[in-house]
Amino acid sequence: MNIVLIGMRGSGKTAVGRLLAKKLGRRFIEMDEMITRKAGMSVSEIVARQGWPGFRKIESEVVRSVAALDDIVNATGGGAVTGEENIRALKETGKLVWLRARLETLLARTKNDASRPSLTGKPPAEDMALVLKEREPVYRRAADIIVDTDGLAPEQVAETIIRRLGEKGD
């Protein structure tokens, strides 16, 4: 069974995913890295050249290939579960864990990250608020487990996930 981390950018998917994989002796997959490798360009470049629909198409291809793997920890991109086919593919072989955080937490964690393009064309705080409002119901519906990350270090979040999944860590 795979552990699939979902949530907004800044929710801690990559940091927590690396820790989880290490503690559980599993391979760690960061989907955005796989997307950039497959496309041969950064997320920003993909979006600039192909738009968000082009990015989502590549993302769906990567979701299908990653979902076919076994016993991995998968840190998805923030929008990976916005497509029903992606949710189905990920759930076939994994438990989806939503790393939930309040808007203020997400903004604080991403304030120095200029590498991600806006999803709405709005300033960062407004962009994040709009996307969070749109995606929260999607994450809630897709998640098998919800873990609130506000005020927690990645180590604490990883331990919570291990406990909630009943996995054995180191």
N, C-alpha and C. Protein backbone atom coordinates (compact mmCIF):
# COMPACT_ATOMS: atom_id res chain seq x y z
N MET A 1 0.83 -1.19 0.00
CA MET A 1 0.00 0.00 0.00
C MET A 1 0.88 1.25 0.00
N ASN A 2 0.55 2.17 -0.89
CA ASN A 2 1.26 3.45 -0.95
C ASN A 2 0.67 4.43 0.05
N ILE A 3 1.49 5.37 0.48
CA ILE A 3 1.02 6.49 1.28
C ILE A 3 1.09 7.70 0.36
N VAL A 4 -0.06 8.31 0.10
CA VAL A 4 -0.16 9.41 -0.86
C VAL A 4 -0.51 10.68 -0.10
N LEU A 5 0.40 11.64 -0.10
CA LEU A 5 0.18 12.90 0.60
C LEU A 5 -0.44 13.91 -0.35
N ILE A 6 -1.57 14.47 0.07
CA ILE A 6 -2.25 15.48 -0.74
C ILE A 6 -2.41 16.74 0.10
N GLY A 7 -2.60 17.86 -0.57
CA GLY A 7 -2.80 19.12 0.13
C GLY A 7 -2.22 20.28 -0.66
N MET A 8 -2.44 21.45 -0.14
CA MET A 8 -1.98 22.68 -0.79
C MET A 8 -0.46 22.78 -0.78
N ARG A 9 0.05 23.61 -1.67
CA ARG A 9 1.48 23.94 -1.62
C ARG A 9 1.72 24.59 -0.25
N GLY A 10 2.78 24.20 0.40
CA GLY A 10 3.07 24.73 1.73
C GLY A 10 2.51 23.88 2.86
N SER A 11 1.80 22.81 2.52
CA SER A 11 1.22 21.98 3.59
C SER A 11 2.25 21.03 4.20
N GLY A 12 3.40 20.86 3.54
CA GLY A 12 4.46 20.02 4.09
C GLY A 12 4.61 18.66 3.44
N LYS A 13 4.00 18.48 2.27
CA LYS A 13 4.00 17.16 1.63
C LYS A 13 5.41 16.63 1.38
N THR A 14 6.29 17.46 0.87
CA THR A 14 7.65 17.00 0.55
C THR A 14 8.45 16.73 1.82
N ALA A 15 8.47 17.67 2.75
CA ALA A 15 9.24 17.49 3.99
C ALA A 15 8.74 16.29 4.78
N VAL A 16 7.43 16.18 4.93
CA VAL A 16 6.84 15.07 5.68
C VAL A 16 7.05 13.76 4.92
N GLY A 17 6.89 13.81 3.60
CA GLY A 17 7.06 12.61 2.79
C GLY A 17 8.46 12.02 2.89
N ARG A 18 9.47 12.87 2.86
CA ARG A 18 10.85 12.38 2.99
C ARG A 18 11.05 11.69 4.34
N LEU A 19 10.53 12.31 5.40
CA LEU A 19 10.65 11.72 6.75
C LEU A 19 9.91 10.39 6.84
N LEU A 20 8.69 10.37 6.33
CA LEU A 20 7.89 9.13 6.36
C LEU A 20 8.61 8.00 5.64
N ALA A 21 9.11 8.29 4.46
CA ALA A 21 9.80 7.27 3.67
C ALA A 21 11.01 6.72 4.43
N LYS A 22 11.76 7.62 5.05
CA LYS A 22 12.94 7.20 5.81
C LYS A 22 12.53 6.33 6.99
N LYS A 23 11.54 6.77 7.75
CA LYS A 23 11.09 6.04 8.94
C LYS A 23 10.53 4.66 8.59
N LEU A 24 9.87 4.58 7.44
CA LEU A 24 9.20 3.32 7.06
C LEU A 24 10.02 2.47 6.09
N GLY A 25 11.20 2.96 5.71
CA GLY A 25 12.04 2.21 4.79
C GLY A 25 11.43 2.08 3.40
N ARG A 26 10.77 3.15 2.96
CA ARG A 26 10.12 3.13 1.65
C ARG A 26 10.78 4.12 0.70
N ARG A 27 10.51 3.95 -0.57
CA ARG A 27 10.98 4.88 -1.59
C ARG A 27 10.10 6.13 -1.54
N PHE A 28 10.73 7.30 -1.69
CA PHE A 28 10.00 8.57 -1.71
C PHE A 28 9.90 9.06 -3.15
N ILE A 29 8.69 9.46 -3.54
CA ILE A 29 8.45 10.02 -4.87
C ILE A 29 7.87 11.42 -4.69
N GLU A 30 8.49 12.40 -5.33
CA GLU A 30 7.95 13.76 -5.34
C GLU A 30 7.44 13.98 -6.75
N MET A 31 6.11 14.04 -6.89
CA MET A 31 5.52 14.05 -8.23
C MET A 31 5.91 15.25 -9.08
N ASP A 32 6.03 16.42 -8.48
CA ASP A 32 6.43 17.58 -9.28
C ASP A 32 7.82 17.38 -9.90
N GLU A 33 8.72 16.71 -9.16
CA GLU A 33 10.05 16.40 -9.72
C GLU A 33 9.92 15.47 -10.92
N MET A 34 9.04 14.48 -10.80
CA MET A 34 8.84 13.54 -11.91
C MET A 34 8.24 14.25 -13.13
N ILE A 35 7.34 15.19 -12.87
CA ILE A 35 6.71 15.95 -13.96
C ILE A 35 7.76 16.79 -14.68
N THR A 36 8.62 17.47 -13.91
CA THR A 36 9.64 18.32 -14.55
C THR A 36 10.66 17.47 -15.31
N ARG A 37 10.97 16.29 -14.79
CA ARG A 37 11.88 15.39 -15.49
C ARG A 37 11.26 14.92 -16.81
N LYS A 38 9.99 14.51 -16.73
CA LYS A 38 9.29 14.01 -17.93
C LYS A 38 9.19 15.11 -19.00
N ALA A 39 8.87 16.33 -18.56
CA ALA A 39 8.68 17.44 -19.51
C ALA A 39 10.00 18.09 -19.93
N GLY A 40 11.05 17.89 -19.14
CA GLY A 40 12.33 18.52 -19.45
C GLY A 40 12.34 20.01 -19.19
N MET A 41 11.44 20.46 -18.33
CA MET A 41 11.39 21.88 -17.96
C MET A 41 10.71 22.04 -16.61
N SER A 42 10.85 23.21 -16.02
CA SER A 42 10.25 23.47 -14.70
C SER A 42 8.73 23.60 -14.81
N VAL A 43 8.07 23.52 -13.66
CA VAL A 43 6.62 23.70 -13.63
C VAL A 43 6.25 25.05 -14.24
N SER A 44 6.98 26.10 -13.86
CA SER A 44 6.70 27.44 -14.41
C SER A 44 6.82 27.47 -15.93
N GLU A 45 7.84 26.79 -16.46
CA GLU A 45 8.02 26.74 -17.92
C GLU A 45 6.89 25.96 -18.59
N ILE A 46 6.50 24.84 -17.98
CA ILE A 46 5.40 24.05 -18.55
C ILE A 46 4.14 24.92 -18.63
N VAL A 47 3.83 25.61 -17.53
CA VAL A 47 2.62 26.44 -17.48
C VAL A 47 2.72 27.59 -18.48
N ALA A 48 3.90 28.22 -18.58
CA ALA A 48 4.08 29.33 -19.53
C ALA A 48 3.89 28.86 -20.97
N ARG A 49 4.36 27.66 -21.29
CA ARG A 49 4.29 27.17 -22.67
C ARG A 49 2.99 26.45 -23.00
N GLN A 50 2.46 25.69 -22.03
CA GLN A 50 1.31 24.83 -22.32
C GLN A 50 0.06 25.19 -21.51
N GLY A 51 0.20 26.15 -20.59
CA GLY A 51 -0.93 26.51 -19.73
C GLY A 51 -1.15 25.44 -18.67
N TRP A 52 -2.07 25.74 -17.74
CA TRP A 52 -2.37 24.75 -16.70
C TRP A 52 -2.97 23.46 -17.27
N PRO A 53 -3.80 23.54 -18.35
CA PRO A 53 -4.31 22.27 -18.90
C PRO A 53 -3.18 21.35 -19.40
N GLY A 54 -2.16 21.93 -20.01
CA GLY A 54 -1.01 21.14 -20.46
C GLY A 54 -0.27 20.51 -19.29
N PHE A 55 -0.10 21.30 -18.22
CA PHE A 55 0.54 20.76 -17.02
C PHE A 55 -0.28 19.62 -16.44
N ARG A 56 -1.61 19.81 -16.33
CA ARG A 56 -2.48 18.78 -15.74
C ARG A 56 -2.45 17.48 -16.56
N LYS A 57 -2.30 17.61 -17.88
CA LYS A 57 -2.22 16.42 -18.74
C LYS A 57 -0.97 15.61 -18.39
N ILE A 58 0.17 16.29 -18.29
CA ILE A 58 1.42 15.61 -17.93
C ILE A 58 1.29 15.03 -16.52
N GLU A 59 0.70 15.80 -15.62
CA GLU A 59 0.52 15.35 -14.24
C GLU A 59 -0.30 14.06 -14.18
N SER A 60 -1.36 13.98 -14.97
CA SER A 60 -2.20 12.78 -14.99
C SER A 60 -1.43 11.56 -15.48
N GLU A 61 -0.56 11.76 -16.47
CA GLU A 61 0.28 10.66 -16.95
C GLU A 61 1.22 10.17 -15.84
N VAL A 62 1.79 11.11 -15.11
CA VAL A 62 2.70 10.76 -14.02
C VAL A 62 1.93 10.08 -12.88
N VAL A 63 0.72 10.57 -12.58
CA VAL A 63 -0.11 9.94 -11.54
C VAL A 63 -0.32 8.47 -11.87
N ARG A 64 -0.67 8.17 -13.11
CA ARG A 64 -0.92 6.78 -13.50
C ARG A 64 0.34 5.91 -13.32
N SER A 65 1.49 6.45 -13.71
CA SER A 65 2.71 5.64 -13.58
C SER A 65 3.12 5.47 -12.12
N VAL A 66 2.95 6.51 -11.31
CA VAL A 66 3.31 6.43 -9.89
C VAL A 66 2.34 5.52 -9.14
N ALA A 67 1.06 5.58 -9.49
CA ALA A 67 0.06 4.74 -8.83
C ALA A 67 0.32 3.25 -9.06
N ALA A 68 1.04 2.92 -10.13
CA ALA A 68 1.35 1.52 -10.43
C ALA A 68 2.49 0.99 -9.55
N LEU A 69 3.20 1.87 -8.86
CA LEU A 69 4.29 1.45 -7.97
C LEU A 69 3.70 0.93 -6.67
N ASP A 70 4.53 0.26 -5.87
CA ASP A 70 4.04 -0.31 -4.62
C ASP A 70 4.95 0.08 -3.45
N ASP A 71 4.34 0.28 -2.30
CA ASP A 71 5.05 0.58 -1.05
C ASP A 71 5.91 1.84 -1.14
N ILE A 72 5.36 2.89 -1.71
CA ILE A 72 6.07 4.16 -1.80
C ILE A 72 5.36 5.20 -0.94
N VAL A 73 6.07 6.29 -0.69
CA VAL A 73 5.47 7.50 -0.13
C VAL A 73 5.47 8.50 -1.27
N ASN A 74 4.30 9.01 -1.63
CA ASN A 74 4.11 9.86 -2.79
C ASN A 74 3.65 11.25 -2.34
N ALA A 75 4.50 12.25 -2.56
CA ALA A 75 4.11 13.64 -2.32
C ALA A 75 3.58 14.19 -3.63
N THR A 76 2.26 14.33 -3.71
CA THR A 76 1.64 14.81 -4.94
C THR A 76 1.78 16.32 -5.06
N GLY A 77 1.51 16.84 -6.26
CA GLY A 77 1.38 18.27 -6.43
C GLY A 77 0.03 18.70 -5.84
N GLY A 78 -0.10 19.97 -5.51
CA GLY A 78 -1.32 20.45 -4.86
C GLY A 78 -2.60 20.19 -5.62
N GLY A 79 -2.52 20.16 -6.95
CA GLY A 79 -3.73 19.96 -7.75
C GLY A 79 -3.91 18.56 -8.30
N ALA A 80 -3.08 17.63 -7.87
CA ALA A 80 -3.12 16.27 -8.43
C ALA A 80 -4.46 15.58 -8.25
N VAL A 81 -5.19 15.92 -7.19
CA VAL A 81 -6.47 15.24 -6.95
C VAL A 81 -7.67 16.07 -7.41
N THR A 82 -7.42 17.07 -8.26
CA THR A 82 -8.55 17.83 -8.79
C THR A 82 -9.24 17.08 -9.92
N GLY A 83 -8.61 16.04 -10.44
CA GLY A 83 -9.23 15.21 -11.47
C GLY A 83 -9.68 13.88 -10.87
N GLU A 84 -10.92 13.51 -11.15
CA GLU A 84 -11.48 12.26 -10.60
C GLU A 84 -10.67 11.04 -11.00
N GLU A 85 -10.17 11.01 -12.25
CA GLU A 85 -9.40 9.85 -12.69
C GLU A 85 -8.10 9.73 -11.89
N ASN A 86 -7.52 10.86 -11.49
CA ASN A 86 -6.31 10.82 -10.66
C ASN A 86 -6.63 10.26 -9.28
N ILE A 87 -7.74 10.70 -8.70
CA ILE A 87 -8.14 10.21 -7.37
C ILE A 87 -8.32 8.69 -7.44
N ARG A 88 -9.04 8.23 -8.44
CA ARG A 88 -9.28 6.78 -8.59
C ARG A 88 -7.96 6.01 -8.69
N ALA A 89 -7.07 6.49 -9.54
CA ALA A 89 -5.79 5.80 -9.74
C ALA A 89 -4.98 5.74 -8.45
N LEU A 90 -4.92 6.85 -7.73
CA LEU A 90 -4.14 6.90 -6.49
C LEU A 90 -4.75 6.03 -5.39
N LYS A 91 -6.09 5.99 -5.34
CA LYS A 91 -6.77 5.20 -4.30
C LYS A 91 -6.69 3.69 -4.56
N GLU A 92 -6.48 3.30 -5.81
CA GLU A 92 -6.37 1.87 -6.12
C GLU A 92 -5.23 1.20 -5.37
N THR A 93 -4.14 1.94 -5.17
CA THR A 93 -2.96 1.34 -4.54
C THR A 93 -2.49 2.10 -3.30
N GLY A 94 -3.28 3.07 -2.85
CA GLY A 94 -2.79 3.87 -1.73
C GLY A 94 -3.85 4.43 -0.82
N LYS A 95 -3.38 4.90 0.32
CA LYS A 95 -4.20 5.66 1.27
C LYS A 95 -3.84 7.12 1.07
N LEU A 96 -4.87 7.96 0.87
CA LEU A 96 -4.64 9.38 0.66
C LEU A 96 -4.72 10.12 1.99
N VAL A 97 -3.65 10.84 2.31
CA VAL A 97 -3.54 11.57 3.56
C VAL A 97 -3.50 13.06 3.23
N TRP A 98 -4.54 13.79 3.66
CA TRP A 98 -4.60 15.23 3.43
C TRP A 98 -3.85 15.94 4.55
N LEU A 99 -2.79 16.65 4.20
CA LEU A 99 -2.07 17.49 5.15
C LEU A 99 -2.75 18.85 5.12
N ARG A 100 -3.65 19.05 6.09
CA ARG A 100 -4.48 20.26 6.11
C ARG A 100 -3.78 21.35 6.93
N ALA A 101 -3.88 22.58 6.44
CA ALA A 101 -3.32 23.73 7.14
C ALA A 101 -4.18 24.95 6.85
N ARG A 102 -4.21 25.86 7.82
CA ARG A 102 -4.96 27.11 7.64
C ARG A 102 -4.22 28.00 6.64
N LEU A 103 -4.97 28.92 6.06
CA LEU A 103 -4.42 29.85 5.07
C LEU A 103 -3.18 30.57 5.61
N GLU A 104 -3.25 31.05 6.84
CA GLU A 104 -2.13 31.80 7.43
C GLU A 104 -0.87 30.93 7.49
N THR A 105 -1.04 29.68 7.82
CA THR A 105 0.09 28.75 7.89
C THR A 105 0.69 28.55 6.50
N LEU A 106 -0.17 28.32 5.51
CA LEU A 106 0.30 28.09 4.14
C LEU A 106 1.05 29.31 3.61
N LEU A 107 0.52 30.50 3.87
CA LEU A 107 1.17 31.73 3.41
C LEU A 107 2.53 31.91 4.07
N ALA A 108 2.61 31.64 5.37
CA ALA A 108 3.88 31.78 6.09
C ALA A 108 4.92 30.80 5.54
N ARG A 109 4.49 29.59 5.22
CA ARG A 109 5.42 28.57 4.74
C ARG A 109 5.88 28.80 3.30
N THR A 110 5.10 29.54 2.52
CA THR A 110 5.43 29.72 1.09
C THR A 110 5.86 31.14 0.74
N LYS A 111 5.98 32.01 1.72
CA LYS A 111 6.24 33.43 1.42
C LYS A 111 7.53 33.67 0.65
N ASN A 112 8.52 32.79 0.79
CA ASN A 112 9.79 32.98 0.08
C ASN A 112 9.94 32.07 -1.14
N ASP A 113 8.84 31.44 -1.56
CA ASP A 113 8.89 30.52 -2.70
C ASP A 113 8.29 31.18 -3.93
N ALA A 114 9.15 31.69 -4.78
CA ALA A 114 8.69 32.35 -6.01
C ALA A 114 8.71 31.38 -7.19
N SER A 115 9.02 30.11 -6.93
CA SER A 115 9.20 29.16 -8.03
C SER A 115 7.88 28.62 -8.58
N ARG A 116 6.78 28.83 -7.87
CA ARG A 116 5.50 28.27 -8.32
C ARG A 116 4.64 29.35 -8.95
N PRO A 117 4.12 29.10 -10.15
CA PRO A 117 3.28 30.10 -10.81
C PRO A 117 1.91 30.21 -10.13
N SER A 118 1.33 31.39 -10.25
CA SER A 118 -0.02 31.62 -9.72
C SER A 118 -1.02 30.77 -10.48
N LEU A 119 -2.01 30.30 -9.75
CA LEU A 119 -3.07 29.52 -10.40
C LEU A 119 -4.20 30.41 -10.89
N THR A 120 -4.28 31.63 -10.35
CA THR A 120 -5.40 32.52 -10.67
C THR A 120 -4.95 33.83 -11.32
N GLY A 121 -3.65 34.11 -11.31
CA GLY A 121 -3.17 35.39 -11.82
C GLY A 121 -3.25 36.50 -10.80
N LYS A 122 -3.68 36.18 -9.60
CA LYS A 122 -3.82 37.17 -8.52
C LYS A 122 -2.54 37.21 -7.68
N PRO A 123 -2.40 38.23 -6.81
CA PRO A 123 -1.26 38.27 -5.88
C PRO A 123 -1.25 37.02 -4.99
N PRO A 124 -0.07 36.63 -4.46
CA PRO A 124 0.06 35.36 -3.73
C PRO A 124 -0.99 35.09 -2.64
N ALA A 125 -1.27 36.03 -1.77
CA ALA A 125 -2.23 35.78 -0.68
C ALA A 125 -3.63 35.54 -1.22
N GLU A 126 -4.02 36.34 -2.19
CA GLU A 126 -5.35 36.20 -2.79
C GLU A 126 -5.44 34.89 -3.59
N ASP A 127 -4.38 34.59 -4.32
CA ASP A 127 -4.30 33.35 -5.10
C ASP A 127 -4.48 32.15 -4.17
N MET A 128 -3.71 32.12 -3.08
CA MET A 128 -3.77 31.00 -2.14
C MET A 128 -5.16 30.87 -1.52
N ALA A 129 -5.76 31.99 -1.14
CA ALA A 129 -7.10 31.96 -0.53
C ALA A 129 -8.14 31.40 -1.49
N LEU A 130 -8.09 31.84 -2.73
CA LEU A 130 -9.06 31.36 -3.73
C LEU A 130 -8.89 29.87 -4.01
N VAL A 131 -7.65 29.45 -4.18
CA VAL A 131 -7.37 28.04 -4.49
C VAL A 131 -7.73 27.15 -3.30
N LEU A 132 -7.41 27.60 -2.10
CA LEU A 132 -7.74 26.82 -0.90
C LEU A 132 -9.25 26.63 -0.78
N LYS A 133 -9.99 27.70 -0.99
CA LYS A 133 -11.46 27.62 -0.91
C LYS A 133 -12.01 26.63 -1.93
N GLU A 134 -11.44 26.63 -3.12
CA GLU A 134 -11.88 25.75 -4.20
C GLU A 134 -11.49 24.28 -3.93
N ARG A 135 -10.30 24.09 -3.37
CA ARG A 135 -9.79 22.72 -3.23
C ARG A 135 -10.17 22.01 -1.94
N GLU A 136 -10.49 22.75 -0.88
CA GLU A 136 -10.79 22.08 0.39
C GLU A 136 -11.84 20.97 0.25
N PRO A 137 -12.97 21.22 -0.44
CA PRO A 137 -13.94 20.13 -0.58
C PRO A 137 -13.39 18.94 -1.37
N VAL A 138 -12.52 19.20 -2.33
CA VAL A 138 -11.92 18.14 -3.14
C VAL A 138 -11.00 17.29 -2.26
N TYR A 139 -10.15 17.95 -1.47
CA TYR A 139 -9.25 17.23 -0.57
C TYR A 139 -10.05 16.41 0.45
N ARG A 140 -11.08 17.02 1.00
CA ARG A 140 -11.90 16.35 2.02
C ARG A 140 -12.52 15.07 1.44
N ARG A 141 -13.05 15.18 0.23
CA ARG A 141 -13.69 14.03 -0.41
C ARG A 141 -12.67 12.94 -0.76
N ALA A 142 -11.49 13.34 -1.20
CA ALA A 142 -10.48 12.37 -1.64
C ALA A 142 -9.76 11.68 -0.48
N ALA A 143 -9.64 12.38 0.65
CA ALA A 143 -8.79 11.90 1.75
C ALA A 143 -9.36 10.69 2.48
N ASP A 144 -8.47 9.74 2.77
CA ASP A 144 -8.81 8.64 3.67
C ASP A 144 -8.52 9.06 5.12
N ILE A 145 -7.52 9.92 5.27
CA ILE A 145 -7.10 10.41 6.59
C ILE A 145 -6.81 11.90 6.45
N ILE A 146 -7.20 12.68 7.46
CA ILE A 146 -6.90 14.11 7.48
C ILE A 146 -5.99 14.38 8.68
N VAL A 147 -4.87 15.06 8.44
CA VAL A 147 -3.94 15.42 9.51
C VAL A 147 -3.76 16.93 9.48
N ASP A 148 -4.12 17.59 10.58
CA ASP A 148 -3.91 19.04 10.69
C ASP A 148 -2.45 19.30 11.00
N THR A 149 -1.81 20.16 10.20
CA THR A 149 -0.37 20.40 10.33
C THR A 149 -0.04 21.74 10.99
N ASP A 150 -1.04 22.56 11.27
CA ASP A 150 -0.78 23.87 11.88
C ASP A 150 -0.02 23.70 13.19
N GLY A 151 1.09 24.42 13.32
CA GLY A 151 1.85 24.40 14.56
C GLY A 151 2.66 23.14 14.81
N LEU A 152 2.69 22.24 13.84
CA LEU A 152 3.45 20.99 14.00
C LEU A 152 4.69 20.98 13.11
N ALA A 153 5.76 20.40 13.62
CA ALA A 153 6.97 20.19 12.83
C ALA A 153 6.73 18.98 11.92
N PRO A 154 7.45 18.89 10.80
CA PRO A 154 7.30 17.74 9.92
C PRO A 154 7.43 16.39 10.65
N GLU A 155 8.35 16.31 11.59
CA GLU A 155 8.55 15.08 12.37
C GLU A 155 7.27 14.68 13.10
N GLN A 156 6.59 15.66 13.69
CA GLN A 156 5.34 15.38 14.42
C GLN A 156 4.24 14.93 13.46
N VAL A 157 4.19 15.55 12.30
CA VAL A 157 3.18 15.17 11.31
C VAL A 157 3.44 13.74 10.83
N ALA A 158 4.71 13.41 10.56
CA ALA A 158 5.07 12.06 10.12
C ALA A 158 4.67 11.03 11.18
N GLU A 159 4.96 11.31 12.44
CA GLU A 159 4.60 10.38 13.52
C GLU A 159 3.08 10.21 13.62
N THR A 160 2.35 11.30 13.43
CA THR A 160 0.88 11.23 13.47
C THR A 160 0.37 10.33 12.35
N ILE A 161 0.92 10.48 11.16
CA ILE A 161 0.50 9.66 10.02
C ILE A 161 0.80 8.19 10.29
N ILE A 162 1.99 7.89 10.78
CA ILE A 162 2.36 6.50 11.08
C ILE A 162 1.38 5.91 12.08
N ARG A 163 1.08 6.66 13.11
CA ARG A 163 0.13 6.20 14.14
C ARG A 163 -1.25 5.96 13.54
N ARG A 164 -1.73 6.92 12.75
CA ARG A 164 -3.08 6.82 12.18
C ARG A 164 -3.20 5.68 11.17
N LEU A 165 -2.12 5.39 10.47
CA LEU A 165 -2.14 4.30 9.49
C LEU A 165 -1.83 2.95 10.13
N GLY A 166 -1.35 2.98 11.38
CA GLY A 166 -0.99 1.73 12.04
C GLY A 166 0.28 1.12 11.49
N GLU A 167 1.15 1.97 10.89
CA GLU A 167 2.41 1.49 10.32
C GLU A 167 3.47 1.40 11.42
N LYS A 168 4.48 0.62 11.17
CA LYS A 168 5.60 0.49 12.10
C LYS A 168 6.77 1.32 11.59
N GLY A 169 7.17 2.31 12.38
CA GLY A 169 8.32 3.13 12.01
C GLY A 169 9.59 2.60 12.66
N ASP A 170 10.70 3.37 12.53
CA ASP A 170 11.96 2.89 13.11
C ASP A 170 12.02 3.06 14.60
